[in-house]
Protein backbone atom coordinates (compact mmCIF):
# COMPACT_ATOMS: atom_id res chain seq x y z
CA UNK A 1 -4.92 -10.67 -34.40
CA UNK A 2 -6.20 -8.12 -37.20
CA UNK A 3 -3.52 -6.64 -39.57
CA UNK A 4 -4.45 -2.66 -37.72
CA UNK A 5 -3.05 -4.16 -34.32
CA UNK A 6 -0.44 -6.21 -35.47
CA UNK A 7 0.59 -2.85 -37.42
CA UNK A 8 0.15 -0.88 -34.26
CA UNK A 9 2.17 -3.66 -32.01
CA UNK A 10 4.73 -2.92 -34.61
CA UNK A 11 4.98 1.03 -34.00
CA UNK A 12 4.97 0.39 -30.36
CA UNK A 13 8.00 -1.59 -30.92
CA UNK A 14 9.93 1.00 -33.36
CA UNK A 15 8.98 3.70 -31.20
CA UNK A 16 10.24 1.78 -27.76
CA UNK A 17 13.78 0.46 -29.62
CA UNK A 18 16.09 3.01 -28.54
CA UNK A 19 14.56 2.80 -25.07
CA UNK A 20 16.77 0.19 -22.88
CA UNK A 21 15.00 -2.03 -20.47
CA UNK A 22 11.21 -1.40 -22.49
CA UNK A 23 9.70 -4.77 -23.17
CA UNK A 24 6.55 -5.02 -25.33
CA UNK A 25 3.93 -8.09 -24.72
CA UNK A 26 1.57 -8.38 -26.93
CA UNK A 27 -1.79 -9.98 -25.78
CA UNK A 28 -4.09 -11.72 -28.86
CA UNK A 29 -7.44 -10.73 -26.55
CA UNK A 30 -8.92 -9.45 -23.71
CA UNK A 31 -8.57 -12.39 -21.73
CA UNK A 32 -5.06 -13.24 -22.65
CA UNK A 33 -4.48 -9.45 -21.39
CA UNK A 34 -6.48 -9.56 -18.23
CA UNK A 35 -4.80 -13.10 -17.36
CA UNK A 36 -1.22 -11.46 -17.93
CA UNK A 37 -1.95 -8.14 -15.88
CA UNK A 38 -3.13 -10.40 -12.92
CA UNK A 39 0.79 -11.81 -13.12
CA UNK A 40 2.10 -8.21 -12.33
CA UNK A 41 4.93 -6.71 -13.95
CA UNK A 42 3.20 -4.32 -16.24
CA UNK A 43 4.28 -1.01 -16.40
CA UNK A 44 1.93 1.05 -18.90
CA UNK A 45 -0.97 -0.54 -21.31
CA UNK A 46 -1.67 0.29 -24.56
CA UNK A 47 -5.32 -0.69 -25.23
CA UNK A 48 -7.79 -0.47 -28.11
CA UNK A 49 -11.08 0.41 -26.28
CA UNK A 50 -13.18 -0.91 -29.41
CA UNK A 51 -11.87 -4.55 -28.65
CA UNK A 52 -14.54 -5.06 -26.12
CA UNK A 53 -16.82 -2.48 -24.45
CA UNK A 54 -16.14 -3.10 -21.46
CA UNK A 55 -12.10 -3.62 -22.38
CA UNK A 56 -11.03 -0.30 -20.58
CA UNK A 57 -13.16 -0.53 -17.34
CA UNK A 58 -12.12 -4.37 -17.21
CA UNK A 59 -8.51 -3.36 -17.42
CA UNK A 60 -8.26 -0.76 -15.21
CA UNK A 61 -10.20 -2.56 -12.19
CA UNK A 62 -7.95 -5.74 -12.82
CA UNK A 63 -4.78 -3.51 -12.06
CA UNK A 64 -6.08 0.66 -11.32
CA UNK A 65 -2.57 1.50 -10.52
CA UNK A 66 -1.00 0.81 -13.55
CA UNK A 67 -1.85 3.69 -16.39
CA UNK A 68 -3.63 3.09 -19.47
CA UNK A 69 -3.17 4.92 -23.08
CA UNK A 70 -5.76 4.00 -25.28
CA UNK A 71 -5.23 3.40 -28.44
CA UNK A 72 -7.97 5.19 -30.73
CA UNK A 73 -7.71 3.00 -34.17
CA UNK A 74 -9.54 6.52 -35.71
CA UNK A 75 -9.36 9.95 -35.76
CA UNK A 76 -12.33 9.79 -33.87
CA UNK A 77 -11.75 12.71 -30.55
CA UNK A 78 -15.20 11.77 -29.02
CA UNK A 79 -14.10 8.14 -28.36
CA UNK A 80 -10.86 9.57 -27.09
CA UNK A 81 -12.52 11.55 -24.67
CA UNK A 82 -14.52 9.08 -23.81
CA UNK A 83 -11.77 6.57 -22.56
CA UNK A 84 -10.30 9.59 -21.00
CA UNK A 85 -13.67 10.20 -19.23
CA UNK A 86 -13.25 6.34 -17.74
CA UNK A 87 -9.46 6.94 -16.60
CA UNK A 88 -7.11 6.42 -19.22
CA UNK A 89 -4.32 8.57 -19.07
CA UNK A 90 -3.59 9.56 -22.66
CA UNK A 91 -4.71 8.63 -25.88
CA UNK A 92 -3.44 7.80 -29.39
CA UNK A 93 -5.34 8.54 -32.49
CA UNK A 94 -5.20 7.45 -35.97
CA UNK A 95 -4.47 4.04 -37.46
CA UNK A 96 -0.36 4.83 -37.85
CA UNK A 97 1.44 5.51 -34.98
CA UNK A 98 4.01 8.33 -34.73
CA UNK A 99 7.00 6.98 -32.62
CA UNK A 100 7.82 10.08 -31.31
CA UNK A 101 4.03 10.01 -29.85
CA UNK A 102 3.89 6.91 -28.33
CA UNK A 103 7.01 7.82 -26.75
CA UNK A 104 5.56 10.95 -25.13
CA UNK A 105 2.25 9.07 -24.03
CA UNK A 106 4.50 6.51 -22.40
CA UNK A 107 6.58 8.88 -20.73
CA UNK A 108 3.57 11.03 -19.15
CA UNK A 109 1.69 7.66 -18.47
CA UNK A 110 5.30 6.67 -16.35
CA UNK A 111 4.97 9.80 -14.70
CA UNK A 112 1.59 10.20 -13.84
CA UNK A 113 1.88 6.43 -12.26
CA UNK A 114 4.92 7.80 -10.22
CA UNK A 115 3.41 10.85 -9.17
CA UNK A 116 0.11 9.32 -7.77
CA UNK A 117 2.43 6.90 -6.19
CA UNK A 118 4.34 9.68 -4.12
CA UNK A 119 0.79 11.31 -3.84
CA UNK A 120 -0.44 8.32 -1.84
CA UNK A 121 2.52 7.71 0.01
CA UNK A 122 2.36 11.02 1.77
CA UNK A 123 -1.20 10.19 2.25
CA UNK A 124 -1.09 7.23 4.01
CA UNK A 125 2.47 7.27 5.77
CA UNK A 126 3.37 9.28 8.99
CA UNK A 127 6.47 11.38 7.80
CA UNK A 128 7.81 11.16 11.71
CA UNK A 129 8.31 7.42 12.38
CA UNK A 130 7.39 6.27 8.22
CA UNK A 131 5.02 3.79 9.61
CA UNK A 132 1.61 3.93 7.96
CA UNK A 133 -1.05 6.46 9.64
CA UNK A 134 -4.44 6.12 10.44
CA UNK A 135 -5.40 6.63 6.92
CA UNK A 136 -2.95 3.91 5.85
CA UNK A 137 -3.94 1.57 8.75
CA UNK A 138 -7.85 1.91 7.96
CA UNK A 139 -7.42 1.18 4.41
CA UNK A 140 -5.02 -2.07 4.88
CA UNK A 141 -7.43 -2.91 7.76
CA UNK A 142 -10.75 -2.80 5.13
CA UNK A 143 -8.49 -5.31 3.11
CA UNK A 144 -7.39 -7.61 5.70
CA UNK A 145 -10.62 -8.05 7.84
CA UNK A 146 -12.13 -8.68 4.58
CA UNK A 147 -9.99 -11.75 3.73
CA UNK A 148 -10.80 -12.62 6.65
CA UNK A 149 -14.58 -12.80 6.64
CA UNK A 150 -13.84 -14.87 3.45
CA UNK A 151 -11.56 -16.93 4.88
CA UNK A 152 -12.66 -17.54 8.76
CA UNK A 153 -9.40 -16.77 10.12
CA UNK A 154 -9.15 -14.13 12.82
CA UNK A 155 -6.94 -11.40 12.67
CA UNK A 156 -5.26 -9.57 15.78
CA UNK A 157 -4.79 -5.90 16.97
CA UNK A 158 -2.16 -4.92 19.17
CA UNK A 159 -2.48 -1.39 20.74
CA UNK A 160 0.83 0.34 22.05
CA UNK A 161 1.27 3.40 23.60
CA UNK A 162 4.51 5.09 24.92
CA UNK A 163 3.90 6.01 28.89
CA UNK A 164 6.91 8.23 29.52
CA UNK A 165 6.79 10.69 26.27
CA UNK A 166 5.76 13.40 28.25
CA UNK A 167 8.21 12.93 30.45
CA UNK A 168 11.11 12.51 28.52
CA UNK A 169 10.03 15.47 26.69
CA UNK A 170 10.11 17.89 29.96
CA UNK A 171 13.41 16.28 30.93
CA UNK A 172 15.32 15.95 28.03
CA UNK A 173 13.74 18.69 25.69
CA UNK A 174 11.26 19.07 23.19
CA UNK A 175 13.13 17.83 20.36
CA UNK A 176 13.36 14.36 22.27
CA UNK A 177 9.82 13.54 21.61
CA UNK A 178 10.07 13.24 18.03
CA UNK A 179 13.25 10.84 18.32
CA UNK A 180 11.48 8.67 20.71
CA UNK A 181 8.46 8.39 18.74
CA UNK A 182 10.96 7.29 15.77
CA UNK A 183 12.86 4.60 18.77
CA UNK A 184 9.39 3.17 19.13
CA UNK A 185 8.49 2.56 15.61
CA UNK A 186 11.98 0.97 15.03
CA UNK A 187 11.16 -1.13 17.74
CA UNK A 188 8.18 -1.99 16.33
CA UNK A 189 9.70 -2.87 12.83
CA UNK A 190 11.82 -5.18 14.81
CA UNK A 191 9.05 -7.31 16.44
CA UNK A 192 6.72 -7.92 13.29
CA UNK A 193 6.67 -9.98 10.78
CA UNK A 194 6.74 -9.15 7.32
CA UNK A 195 3.18 -9.49 7.20
CA UNK A 196 2.44 -7.87 9.92
CA UNK A 197 0.63 -3.85 9.60
CA UNK A 198 2.41 -1.24 12.30
CA UNK A 199 1.37 2.13 12.18
CA UNK A 200 1.17 4.70 14.26
CA UNK A 201 -2.36 6.42 14.85
CA UNK A 202 -2.14 9.57 17.30
CA UNK A 203 0.14 11.32 19.16
CA UNK A 204 1.65 8.30 21.82
CA UNK A 205 -0.18 5.62 20.18
CA UNK A 206 0.54 2.91 17.58
CA UNK A 207 -1.12 0.16 16.29
CA UNK A 208 0.14 -3.26 15.06
CA UNK A 209 -2.26 -5.25 12.65
CA UNK A 210 -1.06 -9.02 12.61
CA UNK A 211 -2.24 -11.33 9.37
CA UNK A 212 -1.69 -14.74 9.21
CA UNK A 213 -1.45 -16.88 11.48
CA UNK A 214 -2.43 -14.17 14.10
CA UNK A 215 -3.09 -16.34 16.83
CA UNK A 216 0.16 -18.06 16.83
CA UNK A 217 1.58 -14.74 16.11
CA UNK A 218 0.84 -12.97 18.85
CA UNK A 219 2.89 -14.26 21.81
CA UNK A 220 5.67 -14.38 19.49
CA UNK A 221 5.29 -10.81 18.36
CA UNK A 222 4.96 -9.69 21.96
CA UNK A 223 7.76 -11.54 23.24
CA UNK A 224 9.83 -9.90 20.15
CA UNK A 225 9.05 -6.51 21.02
CA UNK A 226 9.94 -7.11 24.86
CA UNK A 227 13.04 -8.49 23.86
CA UNK A 228 13.15 -4.74 21.71
CA UNK A 229 12.88 -2.33 24.05
CA UNK A 230 15.17 -4.52 26.26
CA UNK A 231 17.72 -3.91 23.70
CA UNK A 232 16.90 -0.43 22.90
CA UNK A 233 17.10 0.49 26.91
CA UNK A 234 20.19 -1.07 27.21
CA UNK A 235 21.91 1.35 25.16
CA UNK A 236 24.01 4.17 26.75
CA UNK A 237 22.54 7.44 25.85
CA UNK A 238 19.21 7.03 25.19
CA UNK A 239 16.21 7.96 27.26
CA UNK A 240 14.39 4.28 28.02
CA UNK A 241 10.68 3.22 26.68
CA UNK A 242 8.24 2.15 28.93
CA UNK A 243 5.58 1.07 26.73
CA UNK A 244 1.46 -0.19 27.63
CA UNK A 245 0.56 -3.31 25.55
CA UNK A 246 -3.19 -4.41 24.58
CA UNK A 247 -4.42 -6.68 21.85
CA UNK A 248 -8.11 -7.66 20.55
CA UNK A 249 -9.14 -10.24 18.34
CA UNK A 250 -11.36 -9.83 14.92
CA UNK A 251 -13.89 -12.64 15.28
CA UNK A 252 -15.14 -12.87 11.11
CA UNK A 253 -17.97 -14.40 12.90
CA UNK A 254 -18.77 -11.52 14.68
CA UNK A 255 -17.43 -8.90 12.64
CA UNK A 256 -16.51 -5.29 14.25
CA UNK A 257 -15.73 -2.25 12.46
CA UNK A 258 -11.36 -1.27 12.92
CA UNK A 259 -12.70 1.61 15.42
CA UNK A 260 -14.58 -0.92 17.68
CA UNK A 261 -11.28 -3.31 17.49
CA UNK A 262 -8.81 -0.35 18.48
CA UNK A 263 -11.04 0.24 21.52
CA UNK A 264 -11.21 -3.14 22.63
CA UNK A 265 -7.82 -3.30 22.58
CA UNK A 266 -6.96 -0.16 24.63
CA UNK A 267 -9.11 -1.16 27.01
CA UNK A 268 -7.73 -4.49 27.19
CA UNK A 269 -3.99 -2.31 27.60
CA UNK A 270 -6.20 -0.42 30.35
CA UNK A 271 -6.74 -3.63 32.31
CA UNK A 272 -3.51 -4.99 32.55
CA UNK A 273 -1.85 -1.96 33.84
CA UNK A 274 1.30 -0.39 32.51
CA UNK A 275 3.79 -2.87 31.04
CA UNK A 276 7.34 -1.66 31.22
CA UNK A 277 10.00 -4.16 29.90
CA UNK A 278 12.98 -4.33 31.92
CA UNK A 279 15.94 -4.21 30.22
């Protein structure tokens, strides 16, 4: 490590001496830094882009959700602007780093990261049920279907529709509809495994993407779903849930987009007819 880099590392440590819970790790080179980032647990990266022309891009590709503060070793505002253009959240100029400026840059980067995560959560989450929405399901499905293409392991999508949502709303009042949607989400959470992806994709429609040993898991999840609905329907004072269920398998040898997978699962549901688990 160059003397200038050592001095900057010492300056960062000094700036955070009064920040409890903040630990500073120093990587001797870009390869070491990328390997450490792959392990996770890093909140902010302070990086000197001049160590490698593609260093900033490489770090952001490895950990796109971790904010980067560029450390420019001189008063080079053009280099600072270039770093921001690539995606750095902030920059620090000059060979000497002022502790207060370091603290400010880190706090800004952390706040930006928190706000971005909050915005993303709202974009991909259904506000009523807390499940992923259609957009969130699409983003996660792209990842899991891509993994399936590489591993040659199938993925199964289960389609679920509430058959009596309108009748319950008409009989018990409009406020009961949202409650039934929330009840259905709770039932799905009970039935699925930690690796599965439940989502609400329509006014009365849900999906569950089964990943990891999906073929063997379908029977288990459907059995749990029947049991969870029965438990819900046995509770006094709550309208019964009537659910229809269908499924479709994603075959990596014959890949199809998510929309087609959903369509096939819905068609299979219609062929099977209504399934209303008894209490």
